[in-house]
Amino acid sequence: MFTSLRQARLLVQASHAGQRRFLSLHEYQSVQLLNSYGIPTPKSIPAKTPEEAYSVAKNFGTDELVIKAQVLAGGRGKGKFDNGFQGGVHVVSSPEQVKEYASKMIGSKLITKQTGSAGRVCNAVMLAERRDPAHEYYVAVLNDRVTQGPVLVTSNQGGMNIEEVAAKDPNAIITTPIDFDKGLDPAVGLDIAKKLGFKGETAQREAAGIFASLYKLFREKDATQIEINPMAETVDGHVLCMDAKLGFDDNAEFRQRDIFALRDISQEEPSEVEAQKANLNFIKLDGSIGCLVNGAGLAMATMDVLSLHGGNPANFLDVGGGATPETVKKAFEILLSDPKVKSIFINIFGGIMRCDYIAEGVIKATKELGLSIPLVVRLKGTKEAEAKQMIRESGLKIIPFDGLDEAAAKAVELAV
């Protein structure tokens, strides 16, 4: 079960790449969506300038607030801004303090374990009322490969890393299959609330109702994951979703226009955004060898072979089976935009993809972009002979190979 949860999270994390297998929303957007389904949360209002944050705080109705940097990354509370300000989540007690903190957050980059050293820009903050939890729970709705359907995952140990809970105390996790068409049976939801330890009938009914509403949102909005951590039973006996992470299937964009209109590309790697526009499957990495490959499996194998020879790939790039010379040129532009790239390795197995199309694109890109770094090319399959002839006649400094190992070793050597 938790293999599925970890895979879902990894895919959600990859969603801030250009290939948005899953779309992620900011916390304030997730809260607004939860509220639209009648799911209770602490009162929360976003602000995009320090002045707006001050105004929101002044008219909030209470000075007891929490200010949260809106950045698509985990570990915000322990993060650090590039201006030296520590922490992306703070308790605040006055509009003046809100303005001060917002001025240090908005426009600066928050660096967390998930963002890497580059960090991610904070364009907004969210102000939320403080609600004191008597107990914290974990709740998630996601697709489970084992049961081949949606499941409700719950635990009475919320507010912490759920994978750690699963590893230390597997019995603390309750996994409940959900009927795709009928949803979660109210009696089942109530029974789960009781097992989790919600106190009193009011809290149990509220928790059961939230479980059902979360699944309704999950199904109607084509979500891939809804994670509430924590869900809190407050000291006054009510149940609130204190924090939310929502992910949505990119394949459903055509019928979830309102959801995908919320996408924030400022939180994504620019080169990956450009790649997506060209329908290229591209993910930026930290190495020095640019890779251009057709087929995800071959791309992964290519990266493995480069690593075996001591090299580090600069990217994952699958041009797919329908690439054109223009697509190949665009791929080169993206690869060359990375100053870390010291050599480029093209590895093509022509099945649906024709090697001569790749060769034409490579030659065109080399000439028009003024390629100055070494280029290693391995072409096998459909129109292989024609492609090799084109490369020979081009007169360009393109290093051809037939063997994968030899080609990879050369690309690694040239990247030093």
Protein backbone atom coordinates (compact mmCIF):
# COMPACT_ATOMS: atom_id res chain seq x y z
CA MET A 1 0.00 0.00 0.00
CA PHE A 2 2.66 2.51 1.00
CA THR A 3 4.72 1.68 -2.04
CA SER A 4 1.78 3.12 -3.96
CA LEU A 5 1.74 6.18 -1.69
CA ARG A 6 5.45 6.79 -2.14
CA GLN A 7 5.14 6.38 -5.92
CA ALA A 8 2.24 8.81 -5.95
CA ARG A 9 4.26 11.34 -4.01
CA LEU A 10 7.28 10.96 -6.32
CA LEU A 11 5.07 11.52 -9.32
CA VAL A 12 3.52 14.54 -7.67
CA GLN A 13 6.99 15.90 -6.97
CA ALA A 14 7.92 15.30 -10.60
CA SER A 15 4.87 17.23 -11.62
CA HIS A 16 6.62 20.56 -11.15
CA ALA A 17 8.72 19.41 -14.09
CA GLY A 18 7.62 20.29 -17.59
CA GLN A 19 5.97 16.91 -18.00
CA ARG A 20 3.17 17.46 -15.50
CA ARG A 21 2.11 13.85 -15.04
CA PHE A 22 0.42 15.29 -12.00
CA LEU A 23 -0.54 18.91 -11.41
CA SER A 24 0.03 20.26 -7.90
CA LEU A 25 -1.74 23.22 -6.35
CA HIS A 26 -0.60 25.78 -3.82
CA GLU A 27 -1.93 25.33 -0.31
CA TYR A 28 -4.31 28.29 -0.55
CA GLN A 29 -5.72 26.92 -3.81
CA SER A 30 -6.20 23.51 -2.22
CA VAL A 31 -7.98 25.09 0.76
CA GLN A 32 -10.34 26.97 -1.56
CA LEU A 33 -11.13 23.75 -3.42
CA LEU A 34 -11.74 21.85 -0.19
CA ASN A 35 -14.08 24.59 1.02
CA SER A 36 -16.03 24.44 -2.26
CA TYR A 37 -16.88 20.83 -1.35
CA GLY A 38 -17.96 21.79 2.15
CA ILE A 39 -14.80 20.41 3.71
CA PRO A 40 -13.90 22.50 6.78
CA THR A 41 -10.49 24.15 7.17
CA PRO A 42 -9.17 26.98 9.30
CA LYS A 43 -10.14 30.33 7.78
CA SER A 44 -7.39 31.11 5.26
CA ILE A 45 -6.78 34.05 2.92
CA PRO A 46 -3.91 34.49 0.40
CA ALA A 47 -2.01 37.73 -0.24
CA LYS A 48 0.42 38.56 -3.04
CA THR A 49 2.04 41.72 -1.63
CA PRO A 50 3.14 42.77 1.86
CA GLU A 51 0.57 45.56 1.74
CA GLU A 52 -2.21 43.13 0.85
CA ALA A 53 -1.06 40.81 3.65
CA TYR A 54 -1.24 43.72 6.10
CA SER A 55 -4.76 44.57 4.94
CA VAL A 56 -5.88 40.94 5.21
CA ALA A 57 -4.45 40.65 8.71
CA LYS A 58 -6.03 43.92 9.82
CA ASN A 59 -9.49 42.77 8.72
CA PHE A 60 -9.15 39.08 9.57
CA GLY A 61 -11.08 39.28 12.82
CA THR A 62 -8.26 37.99 15.00
CA ASP A 63 -4.56 38.74 15.46
CA GLU A 64 -3.75 35.11 16.27
CA LEU A 65 -2.61 33.98 12.83
CA VAL A 66 -0.13 31.80 10.98
CA ILE A 67 1.67 33.08 7.88
CA LYS A 68 2.76 30.49 5.32
CA ALA A 69 4.95 30.96 2.25
CA GLN A 70 3.16 29.60 -0.83
CA VAL A 71 5.82 27.52 -2.55
CA LEU A 72 5.30 24.12 -4.19
CA ALA A 73 7.71 22.20 -1.98
CA GLY A 74 7.69 20.31 1.26
CA GLY A 75 9.69 21.29 4.33
CA ARG A 76 8.69 24.96 4.16
CA GLY A 77 8.78 25.41 7.92
CA LYS A 78 12.43 24.39 8.10
CA GLY A 79 13.40 26.14 4.87
CA LYS A 80 15.50 29.27 4.46
CA PHE A 81 15.03 32.18 2.07
CA ASP A 82 17.84 33.33 -0.19
CA ASN A 83 17.79 36.68 1.66
CA GLY A 84 18.69 34.92 4.91
CA PHE A 85 15.20 34.88 6.46
CA GLN A 86 14.65 31.58 8.25
CA GLY A 87 11.47 29.53 7.88
CA GLY A 88 8.50 29.62 5.53
CA VAL A 89 5.87 29.17 8.26
CA HIS A 90 5.54 31.50 11.26
CA VAL A 91 3.10 32.30 14.04
CA VAL A 92 2.25 36.02 13.96
CA SER A 93 0.35 38.26 16.33
CA SER A 94 -0.18 41.63 14.62
CA PRO A 95 -0.78 43.13 11.16
CA GLU A 96 2.60 44.88 11.43
CA GLN A 97 4.39 41.60 12.04
CA VAL A 98 2.49 40.05 9.12
CA LYS A 99 3.67 42.84 6.81
CA GLU A 100 7.26 42.49 8.03
CA TYR A 101 7.34 38.74 7.47
CA ALA A 102 5.51 38.95 4.13
CA SER A 103 8.06 41.48 2.86
CA LYS A 104 10.83 38.99 3.63
CA MET A 105 8.99 36.09 1.95
CA ILE A 106 7.32 37.50 -1.17
CA GLY A 107 9.71 37.85 -4.09
CA SER A 108 12.44 35.79 -2.43
CA LYS A 109 13.35 32.17 -3.06
CA LEU A 110 12.65 29.58 -0.39
CA ILE A 111 15.24 26.80 -0.20
CA THR A 112 14.13 23.47 1.25
CA LYS A 113 15.28 19.87 1.02
CA GLN A 114 12.90 19.38 -1.90
CA THR A 115 13.84 22.47 -3.92
CA GLY A 116 17.59 21.97 -3.96
CA SER A 117 20.03 24.86 -3.69
CA ALA A 118 18.25 26.89 -6.39
CA GLY A 119 15.14 27.27 -4.25
CA ARG A 120 11.72 28.34 -5.49
CA VAL A 121 10.29 31.83 -5.68
CA CYS A 122 7.54 32.79 -3.23
CA ASN A 123 4.90 34.86 -5.02
CA ALA A 124 2.26 34.75 -2.29
CA VAL A 125 1.65 34.03 1.36
CA MET A 126 -1.38 32.56 3.08
CA LEU A 127 -2.73 33.83 6.37
CA ALA A 128 -4.64 31.26 8.42
CA GLU A 129 -6.37 31.45 11.77
CA ARG A 130 -4.76 29.51 14.57
CA ARG A 131 -6.84 26.55 15.70
CA ASP A 132 -5.53 24.46 18.56
CA PRO A 133 -5.63 20.70 17.84
CA ALA A 134 -6.39 18.25 20.62
CA HIS A 135 -5.20 15.44 18.37
CA GLU A 136 -3.83 15.16 14.83
CA TYR A 137 -4.69 12.50 12.24
CA TYR A 138 -3.55 11.55 8.76
CA VAL A 139 -6.00 11.06 5.87
CA ALA A 140 -5.36 10.40 2.17
CA VAL A 141 -7.38 9.30 -0.84
CA LEU A 142 -5.39 7.80 -3.67
CA ASN A 143 -5.36 5.08 -6.30
CA ASP A 144 -3.97 1.75 -5.14
CA ARG A 145 -2.38 -0.63 -7.62
CA VAL A 146 -2.93 -3.62 -5.38
CA THR A 147 -6.71 -3.25 -5.16
CA GLN A 148 -6.82 -1.50 -8.58
CA GLY A 149 -9.08 1.19 -7.23
CA PRO A 150 -9.31 4.14 -4.86
CA VAL A 151 -8.52 3.70 -1.17
CA LEU A 152 -8.83 5.76 1.96
CA VAL A 153 -5.62 5.70 4.01
CA THR A 154 -5.92 6.91 7.60
CA SER A 155 -3.89 6.98 10.80
CA ASN A 156 -4.25 8.45 14.27
CA GLN A 157 -0.59 9.50 14.06
CA GLY A 158 -0.85 12.61 11.92
CA GLY A 159 1.36 15.66 11.65
CA MET A 160 4.44 13.60 10.81
CA ASN A 161 5.98 11.66 7.93
CA ILE A 162 3.47 8.90 7.21
CA GLU A 163 6.07 6.58 5.66
CA GLU A 164 7.97 6.67 8.95
CA VAL A 165 4.78 5.82 10.81
CA ALA A 166 4.16 2.89 8.45
CA ALA A 167 7.71 1.62 8.96
CA LYS A 168 7.67 1.88 12.76
CA ASP A 169 4.07 0.90 13.44
CA PRO A 170 2.25 -0.67 10.45
CA ASN A 171 -0.80 -1.31 12.60
CA ALA A 172 -1.27 2.44 12.94
CA ILE A 173 -2.31 2.58 9.28
CA ILE A 174 -5.89 1.80 8.24
CA THR A 175 -6.40 1.21 4.50
CA THR A 176 -9.99 1.03 3.28
CA PRO A 177 -10.98 0.28 -0.34
CA ILE A 178 -13.63 2.61 -1.77
CA ASP A 179 -16.29 1.57 -4.27
CA PHE A 180 -15.51 3.72 -7.31
CA ASP A 181 -19.15 4.34 -8.26
CA LYS A 182 -20.87 4.38 -4.87
CA GLY A 183 -18.17 6.13 -2.87
CA LEU A 184 -17.48 5.56 0.82
CA ASP A 185 -20.40 4.04 2.72
CA PRO A 186 -21.40 6.39 5.59
CA ALA A 187 -21.42 3.51 8.07
CA VAL A 188 -17.89 2.53 7.01
CA GLY A 189 -16.71 6.14 7.36
CA LEU A 190 -18.20 6.35 10.85
CA ASP A 191 -16.55 3.08 11.83
CA ILE A 192 -13.16 4.38 10.64
CA ALA A 193 -13.62 7.57 12.68
CA LYS A 194 -14.32 5.47 15.78
CA LYS A 195 -11.27 3.24 15.16
CA LEU A 196 -9.06 6.32 14.78
CA GLY A 197 -10.20 7.55 18.18
CA PHE A 198 -12.25 10.65 17.41
CA LYS A 199 -14.00 11.58 20.64
CA GLY A 200 -17.72 12.16 20.78
CA GLU A 201 -20.45 11.62 18.22
CA THR A 202 -20.16 15.11 16.75
CA ALA A 203 -16.48 14.73 15.88
CA GLN A 204 -17.04 11.19 14.56
CA ARG A 205 -19.85 12.33 12.27
CA GLU A 206 -17.81 15.30 11.06
CA ALA A 207 -14.80 13.08 10.31
CA ALA A 208 -16.95 10.53 8.44
CA GLY A 209 -18.50 13.34 6.40
CA ILE A 210 -15.07 14.70 5.51
CA PHE A 211 -13.92 11.24 4.35
CA ALA A 212 -16.91 11.02 2.00
CA SER A 213 -16.45 14.56 0.68
CA LEU A 214 -12.74 14.01 0.05
CA TYR A 215 -13.55 11.03 -2.14
CA LYS A 216 -16.22 13.01 -3.98
CA LEU A 217 -13.65 15.70 -4.76
CA PHE A 218 -11.11 13.01 -5.71
CA ARG A 219 -13.42 11.46 -8.26
CA GLU A 220 -15.13 14.52 -9.69
CA LYS A 221 -11.90 16.47 -10.19
CA ASP A 222 -9.78 13.58 -11.52
CA ALA A 223 -7.37 13.79 -8.62
CA THR A 224 -4.48 11.39 -8.27
CA GLN A 225 -3.95 12.12 -4.60
CA ILE A 226 -5.59 14.05 -1.80
CA GLU A 227 -3.48 14.12 1.34
CA ILE A 228 -4.59 15.82 4.55
CA ASN A 229 -1.79 15.95 7.09
CA PRO A 230 -2.84 16.75 9.63
CA MET A 231 -6.58 16.47 10.02
CA ALA A 232 -7.22 17.81 13.49
CA GLU A 233 -9.80 17.30 16.15
CA THR A 234 -9.79 20.69 17.81
CA VAL A 235 -10.05 21.41 21.53
CA ASP A 236 -13.64 22.59 20.97
CA GLY A 237 -14.58 19.19 19.53
CA HIS A 238 -14.70 19.94 15.79
CA VAL A 239 -12.73 18.41 12.90
CA LEU A 240 -10.68 20.51 10.45
CA CYS A 241 -8.30 19.83 7.57
CA MET A 242 -5.25 21.78 8.66
CA ASP A 243 -3.03 21.21 5.62
CA ALA A 244 -3.67 19.73 2.19
CA LYS A 245 -1.71 18.42 -0.77
CA LEU A 246 -3.72 17.79 -3.92
CA GLY A 247 -2.53 16.31 -7.21
CA PHE A 248 -4.44 16.00 -10.48
CA ASP A 249 -4.01 13.81 -13.55
CA ASP A 250 -2.59 15.71 -16.52
CA ASN A 251 -4.61 13.50 -18.86
CA ALA A 252 -7.81 15.04 -17.48
CA GLU A 253 -6.88 18.61 -18.37
CA PHE A 254 -9.42 18.69 -21.21
CA ARG A 255 -12.31 18.35 -18.72
CA GLN A 256 -10.77 20.08 -15.70
CA ARG A 257 -10.00 23.45 -17.24
CA ASP A 258 -10.75 25.31 -14.01
CA ILE A 259 -8.27 23.20 -12.06
CA PHE A 260 -5.47 23.40 -14.62
CA ALA A 261 -5.94 27.16 -14.95
CA LEU A 262 -4.46 27.29 -11.44
CA ARG A 263 -1.09 25.97 -12.62
CA ASP A 264 1.84 28.12 -11.46
CA ILE A 265 4.72 27.75 -13.93
CA SER A 266 6.93 29.99 -11.76
CA GLN A 267 7.31 26.91 -9.57
CA GLU A 268 8.58 24.80 -12.48
CA GLU A 269 11.96 24.44 -14.16
CA PRO A 270 11.93 26.83 -17.18
CA SER A 271 13.60 24.34 -19.52
CA GLU A 272 10.98 21.74 -18.66
CA VAL A 273 8.18 24.22 -19.39
CA GLU A 274 9.73 24.88 -22.81
CA ALA A 275 10.08 21.15 -23.46
CA GLN A 276 6.44 20.56 -22.68
CA LYS A 277 5.41 23.18 -25.27
CA ALA A 278 7.27 21.08 -27.87
CA ASN A 279 5.77 17.80 -26.58
CA LEU A 280 9.15 16.59 -25.40
CA ASN A 281 9.43 14.36 -22.34
CA PHE A 282 12.20 16.21 -20.53
CA ILE A 283 13.37 16.32 -16.92
CA LYS A 284 16.40 18.36 -15.90
CA LEU A 285 19.12 16.68 -13.85
CA ASP A 286 22.44 17.87 -12.42
CA GLY A 287 25.01 16.21 -14.71
CA SER A 288 27.16 17.38 -17.62
CA ILE A 289 26.12 15.04 -20.46
CA GLY A 290 23.09 16.12 -22.45
CA CYS A 291 20.99 13.16 -23.61
CA LEU A 292 18.63 12.91 -26.57
CA VAL A 293 16.98 9.51 -26.87
CA ASN A 294 13.77 8.02 -28.27
CA GLY A 295 11.73 5.87 -25.90
CA ALA A 296 11.58 6.14 -22.11
CA GLY A 297 13.10 2.68 -21.59
CA LEU A 298 16.07 3.37 -23.84
CA ALA A 299 16.49 6.78 -22.24
CA MET A 300 16.71 5.19 -18.79
CA ALA A 301 19.14 2.55 -20.08
CA THR A 302 21.26 5.27 -21.68
CA MET A 303 21.47 7.14 -18.40
CA ASP A 304 22.46 3.93 -16.64
CA VAL A 305 25.24 3.21 -19.14
CA LEU A 306 26.59 6.74 -18.84
CA SER A 307 26.64 6.34 -15.06
CA LEU A 308 28.42 2.99 -15.34
CA HIS A 309 31.18 4.73 -17.30
CA GLY A 310 31.52 7.41 -14.64
CA GLY A 311 29.38 10.09 -16.25
CA ASN A 312 26.41 12.09 -15.00
CA PRO A 313 23.43 12.75 -17.28
CA ALA A 314 22.27 16.37 -17.46
CA ASN A 315 18.72 15.37 -18.28
CA PHE A 316 16.16 12.76 -19.18
CA LEU A 317 14.92 13.45 -22.72
CA ASP A 318 12.62 11.18 -24.71
CA VAL A 319 11.75 12.68 -28.11
CA GLY A 320 9.14 9.96 -28.67
CA GLY A 321 8.27 8.12 -31.83
CA GLY A 322 6.87 11.07 -33.77
CA ALA A 323 9.74 13.55 -33.58
CA THR A 324 10.45 15.80 -36.57
CA PRO A 325 13.66 17.63 -37.52
CA GLU A 326 12.13 20.76 -35.96
CA THR A 327 11.44 18.89 -32.72
CA VAL A 328 15.04 17.66 -32.63
CA LYS A 329 16.30 21.21 -33.13
CA LYS A 330 14.14 22.40 -30.23
CA ALA A 331 15.53 19.60 -28.09
CA PHE A 332 19.05 20.82 -28.89
CA GLU A 333 18.11 24.37 -27.91
CA ILE A 334 16.89 23.11 -24.54
CA LEU A 335 20.01 21.00 -23.97
CA LEU A 336 22.32 23.89 -24.89
CA SER A 337 20.50 26.27 -22.53
CA ASP A 338 22.12 24.38 -19.65
CA PRO A 339 25.64 25.76 -19.08
CA LYS A 340 26.61 22.56 -17.26
CA VAL A 341 26.31 20.48 -20.45
CA LYS A 342 29.82 19.66 -21.77
CA SER A 343 28.92 16.96 -24.31
CA ILE A 344 25.76 15.65 -25.97
CA PHE A 345 24.94 12.00 -26.50
CA ILE A 346 22.27 11.04 -29.05
CA ASN A 347 21.12 7.44 -28.81
CA ILE A 348 18.36 6.46 -31.26
CA PHE A 349 16.84 3.09 -32.03
CA GLY A 350 14.68 3.60 -35.11
CA GLY A 351 11.47 1.61 -35.03
CA ILE A 352 8.59 4.02 -35.56
CA MET A 353 11.16 6.81 -35.40
CA ARG A 354 13.23 7.20 -38.58
CA CYS A 355 16.94 7.71 -38.05
CA ASP A 356 17.17 10.04 -41.08
CA TYR A 357 14.69 12.43 -39.41
CA ILE A 358 16.94 12.53 -36.37
CA ALA A 359 20.03 13.04 -38.54
CA GLU A 360 18.34 15.89 -40.42
CA GLY A 361 17.42 17.56 -37.15
CA VAL A 362 20.90 17.07 -35.70
CA ILE A 363 22.56 18.58 -38.77
CA LYS A 364 20.13 21.48 -38.84
CA ALA A 365 20.59 22.20 -35.15
CA THR A 366 24.38 21.92 -35.33
CA LYS A 367 24.56 24.45 -38.15
CA GLU A 368 21.93 26.92 -36.98
CA LEU A 369 22.80 26.89 -33.29
CA GLY A 370 26.56 27.01 -33.79
CA LEU A 371 27.16 23.89 -31.71
CA SER A 372 30.58 24.10 -30.06
CA ILE A 373 30.50 21.17 -27.62
CA PRO A 374 31.25 17.56 -28.65
CA LEU A 375 28.39 15.56 -30.14
CA VAL A 376 28.33 11.75 -29.97
CA VAL A 377 25.70 9.99 -32.08
CA ARG A 378 24.51 6.38 -32.14
CA LEU A 379 21.79 5.57 -34.69
CA LYS A 380 20.36 2.09 -35.20
CA GLY A 381 17.25 0.85 -37.01
CA THR A 382 14.92 2.34 -39.61
CA LYS A 383 16.75 4.43 -42.27
CA GLU A 384 20.02 3.90 -40.39
CA ALA A 385 22.20 3.78 -43.51
CA GLU A 386 20.64 6.94 -44.96
CA ALA A 387 21.11 8.76 -41.64
CA LYS A 388 24.78 7.83 -41.40
CA GLN A 389 25.35 8.94 -44.98
CA MET A 390 23.75 12.31 -44.22
CA ILE A 391 26.03 12.80 -41.22
CA ARG A 392 29.15 11.88 -43.22
CA GLU A 393 28.28 14.26 -46.03
CA SER A 394 27.49 17.13 -43.65
CA GLY A 395 31.17 17.66 -42.92
CA LEU A 396 30.30 18.49 -39.32
CA LYS A 397 32.24 17.33 -36.27
CA ILE A 398 29.80 14.64 -35.23
CA ILE A 399 31.30 11.53 -33.66
CA PRO A 400 29.39 8.40 -34.82
CA PHE A 401 29.29 5.03 -33.04
CA ASP A 402 27.51 1.71 -33.53
CA GLY A 403 28.03 0.29 -30.03
CA LEU A 404 26.24 1.71 -27.00
CA ASP A 405 29.08 1.12 -24.53
CA GLU A 406 31.69 2.69 -26.77
CA ALA A 407 29.47 5.68 -27.51
CA ALA A 408 28.65 6.24 -23.85
CA ALA A 409 32.29 5.98 -22.83
CA LYS A 410 33.25 8.60 -25.43
CA ALA A 411 30.48 10.97 -24.31
CA VAL A 412 31.73 10.66 -20.72
CA GLU A 413 35.33 11.24 -21.78
CA LEU A 414 34.42 14.39 -23.72
CA ALA A 415 32.39 15.82 -20.86
CA VAL A 416 35.36 16.03 -18.52
